[in-house]
Amino acid sequence: MRLLLVEDEWGLVEALKAIFTKENYGVDICMDGESGLDNALTGIYDLIILDIMLPRKDGLAVLQELRKAKIETPVLMLTARAELNDKIAGLDRGADDYLTKPFQTGELLARIRAVTRRKGEVVTNDPGWGDLTLRQKTRELCCGNTTVKLGLKEFLLLETLMIHSRQIISKEQLIEKVWGFDSEAEYNNVEVYISFLRKKISFVGSQVQIKVNRGIGYYLELSVQG
């Protein structure tokens, strides 16, 4: 799952980035409303965490423009403003939830799970495909009794392929999901990590294969044993 965090308090940004990385979430950071809006308009994110008091453009204006542009990405407002009128204003403009600072890490993560679950596209249990299972907490790839540890990018790549297993996922989509919209990662980065994944899938003895449709993208296929 990829998050967009739009927040201008650097200390909080660093803390949240560490929390999200530990939870195996990909996260992009924007520290002003204008850049946050530009990133959010791409529609590549599973959730946007949006502060209200931001430089260049406040969070309520960002949210209003997103909904006007028909971007339906769930938005969690994260702000120091606790007044009822501020909450009403955020919800009326299309926010999905509202959490005031200071907050407990456990509550934030629970709100994220709840909001993305309502969207209906994000897997909240350990994802699996064929004879493979990904353990989100330990970042392990499992097949039967055999497991292997995955790096974060390997995990996010395979998770994306599993969740969207009925589609062919392009290299552009994988870069956006795993490295982020503003990343300078190139196609060969994807190819290298796909190669790593194929070796680890083979190591655990899985029948799952990562196949490529030249010029289009990658997809999962279950090999047929003769």
C-alpha atoms as a PDB file:
ATOM      1  CA  MET A   1       0.000   0.000   0.000  1.00  0.00           C
ATOM      2  CA  ARG A   2       1.328   3.448  -0.916  1.00  0.00           C
ATOM      3  CA  LEU A   3       0.534   6.503   1.194  1.00  0.00           C
ATOM      4  CA  LEU A   4       0.899  10.208   0.492  1.00  0.00           C
ATOM      5  CA  LEU A   5       1.730  12.241   3.605  1.00  0.00           C
ATOM      6  CA  VAL A   6       1.186  16.001   3.262  1.00  0.00           C
ATOM      7  CA  GLU A   7       2.584  17.523   6.457  1.00  0.00           C
ATOM      8  CA  ASP A   8       4.945  20.434   7.193  1.00  0.00           C
ATOM      9  CA  GLU A   9       6.215  19.502  10.683  1.00  0.00           C
ATOM     10  CA  TRP A  10       9.541  17.850   9.933  1.00  0.00           C
ATOM     11  CA  GLY A  11       9.785  16.001  13.252  1.00  0.00           C
ATOM     12  CA  LEU A  12       6.356  14.446  12.751  1.00  0.00           C
ATOM     13  CA  VAL A  13       7.183  13.617   9.129  1.00  0.00           C
ATOM     14  CA  GLU A  14      10.301  11.711  10.180  1.00  0.00           C
ATOM     15  CA  ALA A  15       8.427   9.824  12.913  1.00  0.00           C
ATOM     16  CA  LEU A  16       5.536   8.864  10.630  1.00  0.00           C
ATOM     17  CA  LYS A  17       7.871   7.833   7.838  1.00  0.00           C
ATOM     18  CA  ALA A  18       9.601   5.406  10.227  1.00  0.00           C
ATOM     19  CA  ILE A  19       6.248   4.029  11.424  1.00  0.00           C
ATOM     20  CA  PHE A  20       4.917   3.504   7.906  1.00  0.00           C
ATOM     21  CA  THR A  21       8.134   1.878   6.718  1.00  0.00           C
ATOM     22  CA  LYS A  22       7.988  -0.550   9.659  1.00  0.00           C
ATOM     23  CA  GLU A  23       4.418  -1.415   8.609  1.00  0.00           C
ATOM     24  CA  ASN A  24       5.632  -2.098   5.033  1.00  0.00           C
ATOM     25  CA  TYR A  25       3.769   0.888   3.593  1.00  0.00           C
ATOM     26  CA  GLY A  26       5.379   2.859   0.795  1.00  0.00           C
ATOM     27  CA  VAL A  27       5.168   6.590   1.558  1.00  0.00           C
ATOM     28  CA  ASP A  28       5.762   9.806  -0.392  1.00  0.00           C
ATOM     29  CA  ILE A  29       6.235  13.073   1.508  1.00  0.00           C
ATOM     30  CA  CYS A  30       5.058  16.566   0.551  1.00  0.00           C
ATOM     31  CA  MET A  31       5.578  19.513   2.888  1.00  0.00           C
ATOM     32  CA  ASP A  32       3.265  22.087   1.276  1.00  0.00           C
ATOM     33  CA  GLY A  33      -0.224  22.056  -0.150  1.00  0.00           C
ATOM     34  CA  GLU A  34       0.704  22.798  -3.769  1.00  0.00           C
ATOM     35  CA  SER A  35       3.100  19.870  -4.133  1.00  0.00           C
ATOM     36  CA  GLY A  36       0.720  17.681  -2.149  1.00  0.00           C
ATOM     37  CA  LEU A  37      -2.081  18.467  -4.584  1.00  0.00           C
ATOM     38  CA  ASP A  38       0.143  17.782  -7.611  1.00  0.00           C
ATOM     39  CA  ASN A  39       1.075  14.352  -6.254  1.00  0.00           C
ATOM     40  CA  ALA A  40      -2.450  13.490  -5.127  1.00  0.00           C
ATOM     41  CA  LEU A  41      -3.913  14.299  -8.549  1.00  0.00           C
ATOM     42  CA  THR A  42      -1.961  11.379 -10.039  1.00  0.00           C
ATOM     43  CA  GLY A  43      -4.436   9.009  -8.367  1.00  0.00           C
ATOM     44  CA  ILE A  44      -1.736   6.418  -7.607  1.00  0.00           C
ATOM     45  CA  TYR A  45      -2.151   6.409  -3.821  1.00  0.00           C
ATOM     46  CA  ASP A  46      -4.192   4.102  -1.608  1.00  0.00           C
ATOM     47  CA  LEU A  47      -4.551   6.792   1.082  1.00  0.00           C
ATOM     48  CA  ILE A  48      -3.716  10.483   1.549  1.00  0.00           C
ATOM     49  CA  ILE A  49      -2.891  11.783   5.033  1.00  0.00           C
ATOM     50  CA  LEU A  50      -3.456  15.525   4.865  1.00  0.00           C
ATOM     51  CA  ASP A  51      -2.746  18.304   7.362  1.00  0.00           C
ATOM     52  CA  ILE A  52      -4.956  21.411   7.302  1.00  0.00           C
ATOM     53  CA  MET A  53      -2.432  24.125   8.176  1.00  0.00           C
ATOM     54  CA  LEU A  54       0.012  23.970   5.278  1.00  0.00           C
ATOM     55  CA  PRO A  55       2.128  26.540   3.411  1.00  0.00           C
ATOM     56  CA  ARG A  56       1.177  27.609  -0.155  1.00  0.00           C
ATOM     57  CA  LYS A  57      -2.264  25.960  -0.027  1.00  0.00           C
ATOM     58  CA  ASP A  58      -4.180  24.801   3.043  1.00  0.00           C
ATOM     59  CA  GLY A  59      -5.387  21.226   3.364  1.00  0.00           C
ATOM     60  CA  LEU A  60      -9.086  22.052   3.014  1.00  0.00           C
ATOM     61  CA  ALA A  61      -8.428  23.731  -0.341  1.00  0.00           C
ATOM     62  CA  VAL A  62      -6.331  20.737  -1.445  1.00  0.00           C
ATOM     63  CA  LEU A  63      -9.126  18.354  -0.481  1.00  0.00           C
ATOM     64  CA  GLN A  64     -11.751  20.432  -2.253  1.00  0.00           C
ATOM     65  CA  GLU A  65      -9.736  20.490  -5.482  1.00  0.00           C
ATOM     66  CA  LEU A  66      -9.123  16.739  -5.302  1.00  0.00           C
ATOM     67  CA  ARG A  67     -12.808  15.944  -5.027  1.00  0.00           C
ATOM     68  CA  LYS A  68     -13.629  18.475  -7.757  1.00  0.00           C
ATOM     69  CA  ALA A  69     -11.156  16.610  -9.999  1.00  0.00           C
ATOM     70  CA  LYS A  70     -12.999  13.321  -9.223  1.00  0.00           C
ATOM     71  CA  ILE A  71     -10.036  11.879  -7.318  1.00  0.00           C
ATOM     72  CA  GLU A  72     -11.688   9.423  -4.928  1.00  0.00           C
ATOM     73  CA  THR A  73      -8.580   8.391  -2.984  1.00  0.00           C
ATOM     74  CA  PRO A  74      -9.457   8.112   0.735  1.00  0.00           C
ATOM     75  CA  VAL A  75      -8.266  11.132   2.768  1.00  0.00           C
ATOM     76  CA  LEU A  76      -7.451  11.106   6.479  1.00  0.00           C
ATOM     77  CA  MET A  77      -7.187  14.630   7.889  1.00  0.00           C
ATOM     78  CA  LEU A  78      -4.375  14.798  10.455  1.00  0.00           C
ATOM     79  CA  THR A  79      -4.270  18.173  12.203  1.00  0.00           C
ATOM     80  CA  ALA A  80      -3.932  20.126  15.431  1.00  0.00           C
ATOM     81  CA  ARG A  81      -7.306  21.772  14.844  1.00  0.00           C
ATOM     82  CA  ALA A  82      -9.765  20.042  17.171  1.00  0.00           C
ATOM     83  CA  GLU A  83     -12.713  22.438  16.888  1.00  0.00           C
ATOM     84  CA  LEU A  84     -15.975  20.895  15.703  1.00  0.00           C
ATOM     85  CA  ASN A  85     -16.351  23.415  12.855  1.00  0.00           C
ATOM     86  CA  ASP A  86     -12.970  22.392  11.420  1.00  0.00           C
ATOM     87  CA  LYS A  87     -13.966  18.725  11.517  1.00  0.00           C
ATOM     88  CA  ILE A  88     -17.274  19.479   9.837  1.00  0.00           C
ATOM     89  CA  ALA A  89     -15.509  21.532   7.148  1.00  0.00           C
ATOM     90  CA  GLY A  90     -13.108  18.685   6.374  1.00  0.00           C
ATOM     91  CA  LEU A  91     -15.815  16.027   6.241  1.00  0.00           C
ATOM     92  CA  ASP A  92     -18.090  18.223   4.135  1.00  0.00           C
ATOM     93  CA  ARG A  93     -15.308  18.662   1.573  1.00  0.00           C
ATOM     94  CA  GLY A  94     -14.904  14.907   1.224  1.00  0.00           C
ATOM     95  CA  ALA A  95     -12.552  13.708   3.970  1.00  0.00           C
ATOM     96  CA  ASP A  96     -13.046  10.081   4.987  1.00  0.00           C
ATOM     97  CA  ASP A  97     -11.794  10.459   8.563  1.00  0.00           C
ATOM     98  CA  TYR A  98     -10.304  13.006  10.941  1.00  0.00           C
ATOM     99  CA  LEU A  99      -7.603  12.567  13.601  1.00  0.00           C
ATOM    100  CA  THR A 100      -6.328  15.370  15.815  1.00  0.00           C
ATOM    101  CA  LYS A 101      -2.799  15.845  17.149  1.00  0.00           C
ATOM    102  CA  PRO A 102      -1.409  14.564  19.436  1.00  0.00           C
ATOM    103  CA  PHE A 103      -2.419  10.995  18.656  1.00  0.00           C
ATOM    104  CA  GLN A 104      -1.403   7.448  19.522  1.00  0.00           C
ATOM    105  CA  THR A 105       0.383   5.416  16.854  1.00  0.00           C
ATOM    106  CA  GLY A 106      -1.998   2.505  17.358  1.00  0.00           C
ATOM    107  CA  GLU A 107      -5.031   4.673  16.726  1.00  0.00           C
ATOM    108  CA  LEU A 108      -3.518   6.177  13.558  1.00  0.00           C
ATOM    109  CA  LEU A 109      -2.748   2.742  12.123  1.00  0.00           C
ATOM    110  CA  ALA A 110      -6.222   1.502  13.037  1.00  0.00           C
ATOM    111  CA  ARG A 111      -7.796   4.509  11.279  1.00  0.00           C
ATOM    112  CA  ILE A 112      -5.671   3.809   8.190  1.00  0.00           C
ATOM    113  CA  ARG A 113      -6.805   0.186   8.119  1.00  0.00           C
ATOM    114  CA  ALA A 114     -10.446   1.181   8.580  1.00  0.00           C
ATOM    115  CA  VAL A 115     -10.435   3.850   5.855  1.00  0.00           C
ATOM    116  CA  THR A 116      -8.669   1.675   3.275  1.00  0.00           C
ATOM    117  CA  ARG A 117     -10.884  -1.300   4.137  1.00  0.00           C
ATOM    118  CA  ARG A 118     -13.969   0.786   3.371  1.00  0.00           C
ATOM    119  CA  LYS A 119     -12.456   1.579  -0.028  1.00  0.00           C
ATOM    120  CA  GLY A 120     -12.495  -2.154  -0.654  1.00  0.00           C
ATOM    121  CA  GLU A 121      -9.239  -2.385  -2.648  1.00  0.00           C
ATOM    122  CA  VAL A 122      -6.576  -2.850   0.013  1.00  0.00           C
ATOM    123  CA  VAL A 123      -5.736  -6.245   1.491  1.00  0.00           C
ATOM    124  CA  THR A 124      -5.629  -6.023   5.293  1.00  0.00           C
ATOM    125  CA  ASN A 125      -4.749  -9.701   5.935  1.00  0.00           C
ATOM    126  CA  ASP A 126      -1.604 -11.422   4.708  1.00  0.00           C
ATOM    127  CA  PRO A 127      -1.960 -11.428   0.902  1.00  0.00           C
ATOM    128  CA  GLY A 128      -1.470 -14.645  -1.003  1.00  0.00           C
ATOM    129  CA  TRP A 129      -1.587 -16.062  -4.513  1.00  0.00           C
ATOM    130  CA  GLY A 130      -1.296 -19.658  -5.628  1.00  0.00           C
ATOM    131  CA  ASP A 131       0.817 -21.480  -3.049  1.00  0.00           C
ATOM    132  CA  LEU A 132       2.489 -18.266  -1.815  1.00  0.00           C
ATOM    133  CA  THR A 133       1.702 -16.119   1.230  1.00  0.00           C
ATOM    134  CA  LEU A 134       3.239 -12.777   2.222  1.00  0.00           C
ATOM    135  CA  ARG A 135       3.529 -12.179   5.958  1.00  0.00           C
ATOM    136  CA  GLN A 136       3.136  -8.436   6.366  1.00  0.00           C
ATOM    137  CA  LYS A 137       4.527  -8.127   9.908  1.00  0.00           C
ATOM    138  CA  THR A 138       7.739 -10.047   9.266  1.00  0.00           C
ATOM    139  CA  ARG A 139       8.023  -9.363   5.513  1.00  0.00           C
ATOM    140  CA  GLU A 140       8.478 -13.073   4.814  1.00  0.00           C
ATOM    141  CA  LEU A 141       7.521 -15.017   1.693  1.00  0.00           C
ATOM    142  CA  CYS A 142       6.081 -18.441   2.552  1.00  0.00           C
ATOM    143  CA  CYS A 143       5.370 -21.595   0.600  1.00  0.00           C
ATOM    144  CA  GLY A 144       4.430 -24.587   2.730  1.00  0.00           C
ATOM    145  CA  ASN A 145       6.946 -24.768   5.578  1.00  0.00           C
ATOM    146  CA  THR A 146       9.643 -22.815   3.713  1.00  0.00           C
ATOM    147  CA  THR A 147      10.084 -19.071   4.216  1.00  0.00           C
ATOM    148  CA  VAL A 148      12.470 -16.402   3.005  1.00  0.00           C
ATOM    149  CA  LYS A 149      12.871 -12.778   4.066  1.00  0.00           C
ATOM    150  CA  LEU A 150      12.079 -10.096   1.483  1.00  0.00           C
ATOM    151  CA  GLY A 151      13.478  -6.605   1.202  1.00  0.00           C
ATOM    152  CA  LEU A 152      10.929  -3.784   1.366  1.00  0.00           C
ATOM    153  CA  LYS A 153      10.876  -3.145  -2.389  1.00  0.00           C
ATOM    154  CA  GLU A 154      10.681  -6.875  -3.128  1.00  0.00           C
ATOM    155  CA  PHE A 155       7.734  -7.125  -0.732  1.00  0.00           C
ATOM    156  CA  LEU A 156       5.909  -4.153  -2.263  1.00  0.00           C
ATOM    157  CA  LEU A 157       6.476  -5.426  -5.806  1.00  0.00           C
ATOM    158  CA  LEU A 158       5.102  -8.883  -5.080  1.00  0.00           C
ATOM    159  CA  GLU A 159       2.233  -7.485  -2.989  1.00  0.00           C
ATOM    160  CA  THR A 160       1.211  -5.264  -5.918  1.00  0.00           C
ATOM    161  CA  LEU A 161       1.314  -8.187  -8.346  1.00  0.00           C
ATOM    162  CA  MET A 162      -0.756 -10.328  -5.959  1.00  0.00           C
ATOM    163  CA  ILE A 163      -3.414  -7.709  -5.243  1.00  0.00           C
ATOM    164  CA  HIS A 164      -3.794  -6.905  -8.947  1.00  0.00           C
ATOM    165  CA  SER A 165      -3.291 -10.472 -10.129  1.00  0.00           C
ATOM    166  CA  ARG A 166      -5.996 -10.208 -12.790  1.00  0.00           C
ATOM    167  CA  GLN A 167      -4.087  -7.431 -14.537  1.00  0.00           C
ATOM    168  CA  ILE A 168      -0.798  -6.974 -16.329  1.00  0.00           C
ATOM    169  CA  ILE A 169       1.099  -4.354 -14.315  1.00  0.00           C
ATOM    170  CA  SER A 170       3.369  -2.059 -16.325  1.00  0.00           C
ATOM    171  CA  LYS A 171       6.836  -1.007 -15.247  1.00  0.00           C
ATOM    172  CA  GLU A 172       5.542   2.569 -14.896  1.00  0.00           C
ATOM    173  CA  GLN A 173       2.842   1.424 -12.475  1.00  0.00           C
ATOM    174  CA  LEU A 174       5.326  -0.611 -10.436  1.00  0.00           C
ATOM    175  CA  ILE A 175       7.731   2.331 -10.186  1.00  0.00           C
ATOM    176  CA  GLU A 176       4.897   4.626  -9.015  1.00  0.00           C
ATOM    177  CA  LYS A 177       3.666   2.101  -6.434  1.00  0.00           C
ATOM    178  CA  VAL A 178       7.038   0.965  -5.088  1.00  0.00           C
ATOM    179  CA  TRP A 179       9.481   3.820  -5.638  1.00  0.00           C
ATOM    180  CA  GLY A 180       7.015   6.735  -5.705  1.00  0.00           C
ATOM    181  CA  PHE A 181       5.762   9.202  -8.280  1.00  0.00           C
ATOM    182  CA  ASP A 182       8.770  11.546  -8.018  1.00  0.00           C
ATOM    183  CA  SER A 183      11.342   8.756  -7.987  1.00  0.00           C
ATOM    184  CA  GLU A 184      14.214   8.712 -10.459  1.00  0.00           C
ATOM    185  CA  ALA A 185      14.082   4.903 -10.596  1.00  0.00           C
ATOM    186  CA  GLU A 186      14.399   3.488 -14.098  1.00  0.00           C
ATOM    187  CA  TYR A 187      12.995   0.410 -15.785  1.00  0.00           C
ATOM    188  CA  ASN A 188      16.133  -1.589 -15.040  1.00  0.00           C
ATOM    189  CA  ASN A 189      15.453  -1.088 -11.303  1.00  0.00           C
ATOM    190  CA  VAL A 190      12.210  -3.003 -11.767  1.00  0.00           C
ATOM    191  CA  GLU A 191      13.962  -5.714 -13.782  1.00  0.00           C
ATOM    192  CA  VAL A 192      16.623  -6.180 -11.076  1.00  0.00           C
ATOM    193  CA  TYR A 193      14.068  -6.564  -8.281  1.00  0.00           C
ATOM    194  CA  ILE A 194      11.881  -8.873 -10.368  1.00  0.00           C
ATOM    195  CA  SER A 195      14.986 -11.035 -10.841  1.00  0.00           C
ATOM    196  CA  PHE A 196      15.542 -11.063  -7.042  1.00  0.00           C
ATOM    197  CA  LEU A 197      11.916 -12.080  -6.508  1.00  0.00           C
ATOM    198  CA  ARG A 198      12.057 -14.886  -9.050  1.00  0.00           C
ATOM    199  CA  LYS A 199      15.064 -16.398  -7.256  1.00  0.00           C
ATOM    200  CA  LYS A 200      13.339 -16.224  -3.866  1.00  0.00           C
ATOM    201  CA  ILE A 201      10.095 -17.679  -5.234  1.00  0.00           C
ATOM    202  CA  SER A 202      12.147 -20.552  -6.667  1.00  0.00           C
ATOM    203  CA  PHE A 203      14.007 -20.946  -3.351  1.00  0.00           C
ATOM    204  CA  VAL A 204      10.780 -21.576  -1.387  1.00  0.00           C
ATOM    205  CA  GLY A 205       9.702 -24.163  -3.974  1.00  0.00           C
ATOM    206  CA  SER A 206       6.650 -22.336  -5.292  1.00  0.00           C
ATOM    207  CA  GLN A 207       4.853 -23.095  -8.543  1.00  0.00           C
ATOM    208  CA  VAL A 208       4.136 -19.377  -8.988  1.00  0.00           C
ATOM    209  CA  GLN A 209       6.019 -17.609 -11.761  1.00  0.00           C
ATOM    210  CA  ILE A 210       6.406 -13.919 -12.549  1.00  0.00           C
ATOM    211  CA  LYS A 211       5.807 -13.664 -16.285  1.00  0.00           C
ATOM    212  CA  VAL A 212       6.465 -10.737 -18.588  1.00  0.00           C
ATOM    213  CA  ASN A 213       4.448  -9.567 -21.559  1.00  0.00           C
ATOM    214  CA  ARG A 214       7.045  -7.683 -23.578  1.00  0.00           C
ATOM    215  CA  GLY A 215       6.270  -4.007 -23.875  1.00  0.00           C
ATOM    216  CA  ILE A 216       3.258  -4.274 -21.559  1.00  0.00           C
ATOM    217  CA  GLY A 217       4.243  -5.479 -18.095  1.00  0.00           C
ATOM    218  CA  TYR A 218       4.335  -8.265 -15.512  1.00  0.00           C
ATOM    219  CA  TYR A 219       1.788 -10.732 -14.175  1.00  0.00           C
ATOM    220  CA  LEU A 220       1.624 -13.879 -12.022  1.00  0.00           C
ATOM    221  CA  GLU A 221       1.066 -17.346 -13.442  1.00  0.00           C
ATOM    222  CA  LEU A 222       0.814 -20.756 -11.793  1.00  0.00           C
ATOM    223  CA  SER A 223       3.012 -23.294 -13.537  1.00  0.00           C
ATOM    224  CA  VAL A 224       1.411 -26.616 -14.457  1.00  0.00           C
ATOM    225  CA  GLN A 225       3.322 -29.666 -13.364  1.00  0.00           C
ATOM    226  CA  GLY A 226       3.456 -32.424 -15.941  1.00  0.00           C
END
